Amino acid sequence: MITAKMIVQNMKTEQDKQKVDAVLHDVWGVRQVEADLTTKEVLISYNENAASLHDFEQAIIDCGYQLAPQAE
């Protein structure tokens, strides 16, 4: 299991948080999602054999949210 962190720049309301949570839970392989409105951070725990970080990034983008660039 892997845990990844993403910053969802335009997640501002409780409704946004719930929408992001729901769309991430729809991705196969997800185990846990924790979103924080104050920091805009989303922590995702998932099975790396069933999903990739790209799958979660694309799900967030597809529902209309923007991700902060990841530091390499």
PDB file of N, CA and C in Angstrom:
ATOM      1  N   MET A   1       0.839  -1.172   0.000  1.00  0.00           N
ATOM      2  CA  MET A   1       0.000   0.000   0.000  1.00  0.00           C
ATOM      3  C   MET A   1       0.889   1.242   0.000  1.00  0.00           C
ATOM      4  N   ILE A   2       0.467   2.239  -0.759  1.00  0.00           N
ATOM      5  CA  ILE A   2       1.191   3.503  -0.893  1.00  0.00           C
ATOM      6  C   ILE A   2       0.290   4.631  -0.392  1.00  0.00           C
ATOM      7  N   THR A   3       0.894   5.642   0.214  1.00  0.00           N
ATOM      8  CA  THR A   3       0.168   6.858   0.582  1.00  0.00           C
ATOM      9  C   THR A   3       0.780   8.016  -0.193  1.00  0.00           C
ATOM     10  N   ALA A   4      -0.080   8.776  -0.854  1.00  0.00           N
ATOM     11  CA  ALA A   4       0.371   9.915  -1.652  1.00  0.00           C
ATOM     12  C   ALA A   4      -0.355  11.170  -1.187  1.00  0.00           C
ATOM     13  N   LYS A   5       0.298  12.315  -1.392  1.00  0.00           N
ATOM     14  CA  LYS A   5      -0.292  13.606  -1.024  1.00  0.00           C
ATOM     15  C   LYS A   5      -0.434  14.458  -2.272  1.00  0.00           C
ATOM     16  N   MET A   6      -1.588  15.096  -2.401  1.00  0.00           N
ATOM     17  CA  MET A   6      -1.830  16.033  -3.486  1.00  0.00           C
ATOM     18  C   MET A   6      -2.421  17.303  -2.891  1.00  0.00           C
ATOM     19  N   ILE A   7      -2.196  18.414  -3.571  1.00  0.00           N
ATOM     20  CA  ILE A   7      -2.789  19.692  -3.189  1.00  0.00           C
ATOM     21  C   ILE A   7      -3.831  20.035  -4.253  1.00  0.00           C
ATOM     22  N   VAL A   8      -5.085  20.148  -3.828  1.00  0.00           N
ATOM     23  CA  VAL A   8      -6.178  20.501  -4.737  1.00  0.00           C
ATOM     24  C   VAL A   8      -6.432  21.994  -4.553  1.00  0.00           C
ATOM     25  N   GLN A   9      -5.929  22.786  -5.510  1.00  0.00           N
ATOM     26  CA  GLN A   9      -5.898  24.238  -5.356  1.00  0.00           C
ATOM     27  C   GLN A   9      -7.267  24.879  -5.183  1.00  0.00           C
ATOM     28  N   ASN A  10      -8.264  24.409  -5.904  1.00  0.00           N
ATOM     29  CA  ASN A  10      -9.566  25.071  -5.835  1.00  0.00           C
ATOM     30  C   ASN A  10     -10.588  24.283  -5.014  1.00  0.00           C
ATOM     31  N   MET A  11     -10.136  23.527  -4.028  1.00  0.00           N
ATOM     32  CA  MET A  11     -11.022  22.859  -3.068  1.00  0.00           C
ATOM     33  C   MET A  11     -11.223  23.842  -1.915  1.00  0.00           C
ATOM     34  N   LYS A  12     -12.400  24.485  -1.881  1.00  0.00           N
ATOM     35  CA  LYS A  12     -12.612  25.583  -0.932  1.00  0.00           C
ATOM     36  C   LYS A  12     -13.736  25.341   0.066  1.00  0.00           C
ATOM     37  N   THR A  13     -14.732  24.564  -0.310  1.00  0.00           N
ATOM     38  CA  THR A  13     -15.900  24.380   0.549  1.00  0.00           C
ATOM     39  C   THR A  13     -16.030  22.924   0.983  1.00  0.00           C
ATOM     40  N   GLU A  14     -16.895  22.702   1.947  1.00  0.00           N
ATOM     41  CA  GLU A  14     -17.173  21.334   2.399  1.00  0.00           C
ATOM     42  C   GLU A  14     -17.732  20.504   1.240  1.00  0.00           C
ATOM     43  N   GLN A  15     -18.517  21.144   0.378  1.00  0.00           N
ATOM     44  CA  GLN A  15     -19.063  20.441  -0.792  1.00  0.00           C
ATOM     45  C   GLN A  15     -17.933  20.013  -1.736  1.00  0.00           C
ATOM     46  N   ASP A  16     -16.950  20.878  -1.948  1.00  0.00           N
ATOM     47  CA  ASP A  16     -15.781  20.517  -2.765  1.00  0.00           C
ATOM     48  C   ASP A  16     -15.065  19.318  -2.151  1.00  0.00           C
ATOM     49  N   LYS A  17     -14.876  19.377  -0.846  1.00  0.00           N
ATOM     50  CA  LYS A  17     -14.182  18.298  -0.138  1.00  0.00           C
ATOM     51  C   LYS A  17     -14.922  16.976  -0.324  1.00  0.00           C
ATOM     52  N   GLN A  18     -16.233  17.004  -0.188  1.00  0.00           N
ATOM     53  CA  GLN A  18     -17.031  15.790  -0.349  1.00  0.00           C
ATOM     54  C   GLN A  18     -16.972  15.268  -1.779  1.00  0.00           C
ATOM     55  N   LYS A  19     -16.970  16.177  -2.752  1.00  0.00           N
ATOM     56  CA  LYS A  19     -16.905  15.771  -4.157  1.00  0.00           C
ATOM     57  C   LYS A  19     -15.557  15.117  -4.465  1.00  0.00           C
ATOM     58  N   VAL A  20     -14.469  15.720  -3.988  1.00  0.00           N
ATOM     59  CA  VAL A  20     -13.132  15.157  -4.189  1.00  0.00           C
ATOM     60  C   VAL A  20     -13.036  13.789  -3.521  1.00  0.00           C
ATOM     61  N   ASP A  21     -13.530  13.693  -2.305  1.00  0.00           N
ATOM     62  CA  ASP A  21     -13.525  12.423  -1.579  1.00  0.00           C
ATOM     63  C   ASP A  21     -14.281  11.349  -2.366  1.00  0.00           C
ATOM     64  N   ALA A  22     -15.467  11.693  -2.862  1.00  0.00           N
ATOM     65  CA  ALA A  22     -16.289  10.722  -3.592  1.00  0.00           C
ATOM     66  C   ALA A  22     -15.623  10.272  -4.886  1.00  0.00           C
ATOM     67  N   VAL A  23     -15.065  11.215  -5.637  1.00  0.00           N
ATOM     68  CA  VAL A  23     -14.460  10.847  -6.920  1.00  0.00           C
ATOM     69  C   VAL A  23     -13.214   9.985  -6.708  1.00  0.00           C
ATOM     70  N   LEU A  24     -12.468  10.238  -5.643  1.00  0.00           N
ATOM     71  CA  LEU A  24     -11.284   9.423  -5.364  1.00  0.00           C
ATOM     72  C   LEU A  24     -11.670   8.031  -4.874  1.00  0.00           C
ATOM     73  N   HIS A  25     -12.756   7.936  -4.128  1.00  0.00           N
ATOM     74  CA  HIS A  25     -13.214   6.617  -3.680  1.00  0.00           C
ATOM     75  C   HIS A  25     -13.726   5.766  -4.845  1.00  0.00           C
ATOM     76  N   ASP A  26     -14.050   6.394  -5.976  1.00  0.00           N
ATOM     77  CA  ASP A  26     -14.496   5.650  -7.155  1.00  0.00           C
ATOM     78  C   ASP A  26     -13.344   5.005  -7.912  1.00  0.00           C
ATOM     79  N   VAL A  27     -12.114   5.410  -7.635  1.00  0.00           N
ATOM     80  CA  VAL A  27     -10.951   4.838  -8.330  1.00  0.00           C
ATOM     81  C   VAL A  27     -10.646   3.473  -7.718  1.00  0.00           C
ATOM     82  N   TRP A  28     -10.520   2.476  -8.583  1.00  0.00           N
ATOM     83  CA  TRP A  28     -10.228   1.113  -8.136  1.00  0.00           C
ATOM     84  C   TRP A  28      -8.896   1.088  -7.389  1.00  0.00           C
ATOM     85  N   GLY A  29      -8.864   0.428  -6.249  1.00  0.00           N
ATOM     86  CA  GLY A  29      -7.628   0.282  -5.497  1.00  0.00           C
ATOM     87  C   GLY A  29      -7.470   1.239  -4.333  1.00  0.00           C
ATOM     88  N   VAL A  30      -8.344   2.244  -4.231  1.00  0.00           N
ATOM     89  CA  VAL A  30      -8.242   3.203  -3.127  1.00  0.00           C
ATOM     90  C   VAL A  30      -8.594   2.512  -1.810  1.00  0.00           C
ATOM     91  N   ARG A  31      -7.877   2.859  -0.770  1.00  0.00           N
ATOM     92  CA  ARG A  31      -8.141   2.301   0.559  1.00  0.00           C
ATOM     93  C   ARG A  31      -8.659   3.376   1.514  1.00  0.00           C
ATOM     94  N   GLN A  32      -8.068   4.572   1.441  1.00  0.00           N
ATOM     95  CA  GLN A  32      -8.458   5.640   2.364  1.00  0.00           C
ATOM     96  C   GLN A  32      -8.180   6.991   1.720  1.00  0.00           C
ATOM     97  N   VAL A  33      -9.056   7.949   1.985  1.00  0.00           N
ATOM     98  CA  VAL A  33      -8.888   9.324   1.510  1.00  0.00           C
ATOM     99  C   VAL A  33      -9.118  10.255   2.695  1.00  0.00           C
ATOM    100  N   GLU A  34      -8.190  11.191   2.891  1.00  0.00           N
ATOM    101  CA  GLU A  34      -8.339  12.216   3.930  1.00  0.00           C
ATOM    102  C   GLU A  34      -8.082  13.570   3.281  1.00  0.00           C
ATOM    103  N   ALA A  35      -9.074  14.447   3.338  1.00  0.00           N
ATOM    104  CA  ALA A  35      -8.940  15.778   2.748  1.00  0.00           C
ATOM    105  C   ALA A  35      -9.006  16.834   3.845  1.00  0.00           C
ATOM    106  N   ASP A  36      -8.182  17.867   3.711  1.00  0.00           N
ATOM    107  CA  ASP A  36      -8.118  18.962   4.681  1.00  0.00           C
ATOM    108  C   ASP A  36      -8.364  20.279   3.943  1.00  0.00           C
ATOM    109  N   LEU A  37      -9.480  20.931   4.250  1.00  0.00           N
ATOM    110  CA  LEU A  37      -9.816  22.188   3.575  1.00  0.00           C
ATOM    111  C   LEU A  37      -8.842  23.311   3.898  1.00  0.00           C
ATOM    112  N   THR A  38      -8.302  23.327   5.095  1.00  0.00           N
ATOM    113  CA  THR A  38      -7.397  24.398   5.506  1.00  0.00           C
ATOM    114  C   THR A  38      -6.127  24.400   4.667  1.00  0.00           C
ATOM    115  N   THR A  39      -5.533  23.237   4.477  1.00  0.00           N
ATOM    116  CA  THR A  39      -4.279  23.132   3.728  1.00  0.00           C
ATOM    117  C   THR A  39      -4.495  22.750   2.268  1.00  0.00           C
ATOM    118  N   LYS A  40      -5.727  22.334   1.930  1.00  0.00           N
ATOM    119  CA  LYS A  40      -6.090  21.844   0.595  1.00  0.00           C
ATOM    120  C   LYS A  40      -5.382  20.533   0.247  1.00  0.00           C
ATOM    121  N   GLU A  41      -4.836  19.869   1.267  1.00  0.00           N
ATOM    122  CA  GLU A  41      -4.134  18.600   1.059  1.00  0.00           C
ATOM    123  C   GLU A  41      -5.112  17.436   1.041  1.00  0.00           C
ATOM    124  N   VAL A  42      -4.815  16.496   0.168  1.00  0.00           N
ATOM    125  CA  VAL A  42      -5.558  15.244   0.116  1.00  0.00           C
ATOM    126  C   VAL A  42      -4.541  14.121   0.240  1.00  0.00           C
ATOM    127  N   LEU A  43      -4.720  13.270   1.243  1.00  0.00           N
ATOM    128  CA  LEU A  43      -3.878  12.089   1.421  1.00  0.00           C
ATOM    129  C   LEU A  43      -4.664  10.883   0.937  1.00  0.00           C
ATOM    130  N   ILE A  44      -4.036  10.096   0.079  1.00  0.00           N
ATOM    131  CA  ILE A  44      -4.685   8.929  -0.507  1.00  0.00           C
ATOM    132  C   ILE A  44      -3.833   7.706  -0.217  1.00  0.00           C
ATOM    133  N   SER A  45      -4.434   6.704   0.383  1.00  0.00           N
ATOM    134  CA  SER A  45      -3.770   5.411   0.566  1.00  0.00           C
ATOM    135  C   SER A  45      -4.394   4.457  -0.441  1.00  0.00           C
ATOM    136  N   TYR A  46      -3.543   3.770  -1.201  1.00  0.00           N
ATOM    137  CA  TYR A  46      -4.072   2.903  -2.253  1.00  0.00           C
ATOM    138  C   TYR A  46      -3.152   1.723  -2.517  1.00  0.00           C
ATOM    139  N   ASN A  47      -3.720   0.722  -3.155  1.00  0.00           N
ATOM    140  CA  ASN A  47      -2.993  -0.472  -3.556  1.00  0.00           C
ATOM    141  C   ASN A  47      -2.288  -0.167  -4.874  1.00  0.00           C
ATOM    142  N   GLU A  48      -0.964  -0.136  -4.853  1.00  0.00           N
ATOM    143  CA  GLU A  48      -0.194   0.223  -6.049  1.00  0.00           C
ATOM    144  C   GLU A  48      -0.321  -0.801  -7.168  1.00  0.00           C
ATOM    145  N   ASN A  49      -0.817  -1.999  -6.869  1.00  0.00           N
ATOM    146  CA  ASN A  49      -1.037  -3.004  -7.911  1.00  0.00           C
ATOM    147  C   ASN A  49      -2.367  -2.803  -8.629  1.00  0.00           C
ATOM    148  N   ALA A  50      -3.241  -1.981  -8.071  1.00  0.00           N
ATOM    149  CA  ALA A  50      -4.560  -1.761  -8.655  1.00  0.00           C
ATOM    150  C   ALA A  50      -4.723  -0.364  -9.254  1.00  0.00           C
ATOM    151  N   ALA A  51      -3.928   0.601  -8.800  1.00  0.00           N
ATOM    152  CA  ALA A  51      -4.071   1.984  -9.267  1.00  0.00           C
ATOM    153  C   ALA A  51      -2.720   2.680  -9.219  1.00  0.00           C
ATOM    154  N   SER A  52      -2.648   3.792  -9.935  1.00  0.00           N
ATOM    155  CA  SER A  52      -1.432   4.609  -9.901  1.00  0.00           C
ATOM    156  C   SER A  52      -1.820   6.027  -9.481  1.00  0.00           C
ATOM    157  N   LEU A  53      -0.842   6.802  -9.086  1.00  0.00           N
ATOM    158  CA  LEU A  53      -1.098   8.184  -8.703  1.00  0.00           C
ATOM    159  C   LEU A  53      -1.744   8.944  -9.859  1.00  0.00           C
ATOM    160  N   HIS A  54      -1.344   8.628 -11.072  1.00  0.00           N
ATOM    161  CA  HIS A  54      -1.926   9.274 -12.254  1.00  0.00           C
ATOM    162  C   HIS A  54      -3.443   9.068 -12.313  1.00  0.00           C
ATOM    163  N   ASP A  55      -3.918   7.878 -11.935  1.00  0.00           N
ATOM    164  CA  ASP A  55      -5.361   7.603 -11.935  1.00  0.00           C
ATOM    165  C   ASP A  55      -6.099   8.583 -11.024  1.00  0.00           C
ATOM    166  N   PHE A  56      -5.536   8.848  -9.854  1.00  0.00           N
ATOM    167  CA  PHE A  56      -6.169   9.759  -8.898  1.00  0.00           C
ATOM    168  C   PHE A  56      -6.082  11.207  -9.381  1.00  0.00           C
ATOM    169  N   GLU A  57      -4.935  11.583  -9.933  1.00  0.00           N
ATOM    170  CA  GLU A  57      -4.780  12.939 -10.475  1.00  0.00           C
ATOM    171  C   GLU A  57      -5.798  13.183 -11.581  1.00  0.00           C
ATOM    172  N   GLN A  58      -5.952  12.219 -12.478  1.00  0.00           N
ATOM    173  CA  GLN A  58      -6.876  12.374 -13.596  1.00  0.00           C
ATOM    174  C   GLN A  58      -8.319  12.456 -13.104  1.00  0.00           C
ATOM    175  N   ALA A  59      -8.667  11.682 -12.096  1.00  0.00           N
ATOM    176  CA  ALA A  59     -10.025  11.721 -11.542  1.00  0.00           C
ATOM    177  C   ALA A  59     -10.340  13.113 -10.992  1.00  0.00           C
ATOM    178  N   ILE A  60      -9.388  13.723 -10.308  1.00  0.00           N
ATOM    179  CA  ILE A  60      -9.594  15.068  -9.752  1.00  0.00           C
ATOM    180  C   ILE A  60      -9.730  16.099 -10.868  1.00  0.00           C
ATOM    181  N   ILE A  61      -8.872  16.018 -11.860  1.00  0.00           N
ATOM    182  CA  ILE A  61      -8.926  16.949 -12.993  1.00  0.00           C
ATOM    183  C   ILE A  61     -10.240  16.791 -13.756  1.00  0.00           C
ATOM    184  N   ASP A  62     -10.662  15.543 -13.970  1.00  0.00           N
ATOM    185  CA  ASP A  62     -11.888  15.277 -14.723  1.00  0.00           C
ATOM    186  C   ASP A  62     -13.136  15.838 -14.045  1.00  0.00           C
ATOM    187  N   CYS A  63     -13.111  16.007 -12.729  1.00  0.00           N
ATOM    188  CA  CYS A  63     -14.291  16.569 -12.055  1.00  0.00           C
ATOM    189  C   CYS A  63     -14.157  18.077 -11.836  1.00  0.00           C
ATOM    190  N   GLY A  64     -13.161  18.702 -12.468  1.00  0.00           N
ATOM    191  CA  GLY A  64     -13.092  20.158 -12.510  1.00  0.00           C
ATOM    192  C   GLY A  64     -12.173  20.832 -11.511  1.00  0.00           C
ATOM    193  N   TYR A  65     -11.297  20.084 -10.881  1.00  0.00           N
ATOM    194  CA  TYR A  65     -10.386  20.670  -9.900  1.00  0.00           C
ATOM    195  C   TYR A  65      -8.969  20.760 -10.455  1.00  0.00           C
ATOM    196  N   GLN A  66      -8.178  21.644  -9.859  1.00  0.00           N
ATOM    197  CA  GLN A  66      -6.799  21.861 -10.292  1.00  0.00           C
ATOM    198  C   GLN A  66      -5.847  21.376  -9.215  1.00  0.00           C
ATOM    199  N   LEU A  67      -4.794  20.709  -9.658  1.00  0.00           N
ATOM    200  CA  LEU A  67      -3.769  20.220  -8.738  1.00  0.00           C
ATOM    201  C   LEU A  67      -2.568  21.149  -8.754  1.00  0.00           C
ATOM    202  N   ALA A  68      -1.987  21.360  -7.586  1.00  0.00           N
ATOM    203  CA  ALA A  68      -0.738  22.113  -7.506  1.00  0.00           C
ATOM    204  C   ALA A  68       0.369  21.243  -8.079  1.00  0.00           C
ATOM    205  N   PRO A  69       1.340  21.849  -8.751  1.00  0.00           N
ATOM    206  CA  PRO A  69       2.472  21.064  -9.267  1.00  0.00           C
ATOM    207  C   PRO A  69       3.183  20.347  -8.127  1.00  0.00           C
ATOM    208  N   GLN A  70       3.571  19.111  -8.382  1.00  0.00           N
ATOM    209  CA  GLN A  70       4.282  18.311  -7.382  1.00  0.00           C
ATOM    210  C   GLN A  70       5.769  18.637  -7.428  1.00  0.00           C
ATOM    211  N   ALA A  71       6.372  18.814  -6.271  1.00  0.00           N
ATOM    212  CA  ALA A  71       7.820  19.022  -6.199  1.00  0.00           C
ATOM    213  C   ALA A  71       8.514  17.704  -6.485  1.00  0.00           C
ATOM    214  N   GLU A  72       9.533  17.753  -7.300  1.00  0.00           N
ATOM    215  CA  GLU A  72      10.270  16.533  -7.656  1.00  0.00           C
ATOM    216  C   GLU A  72      11.299  16.221  -6.614  1.00  0.00           C
TER     217      GLU A  72
END
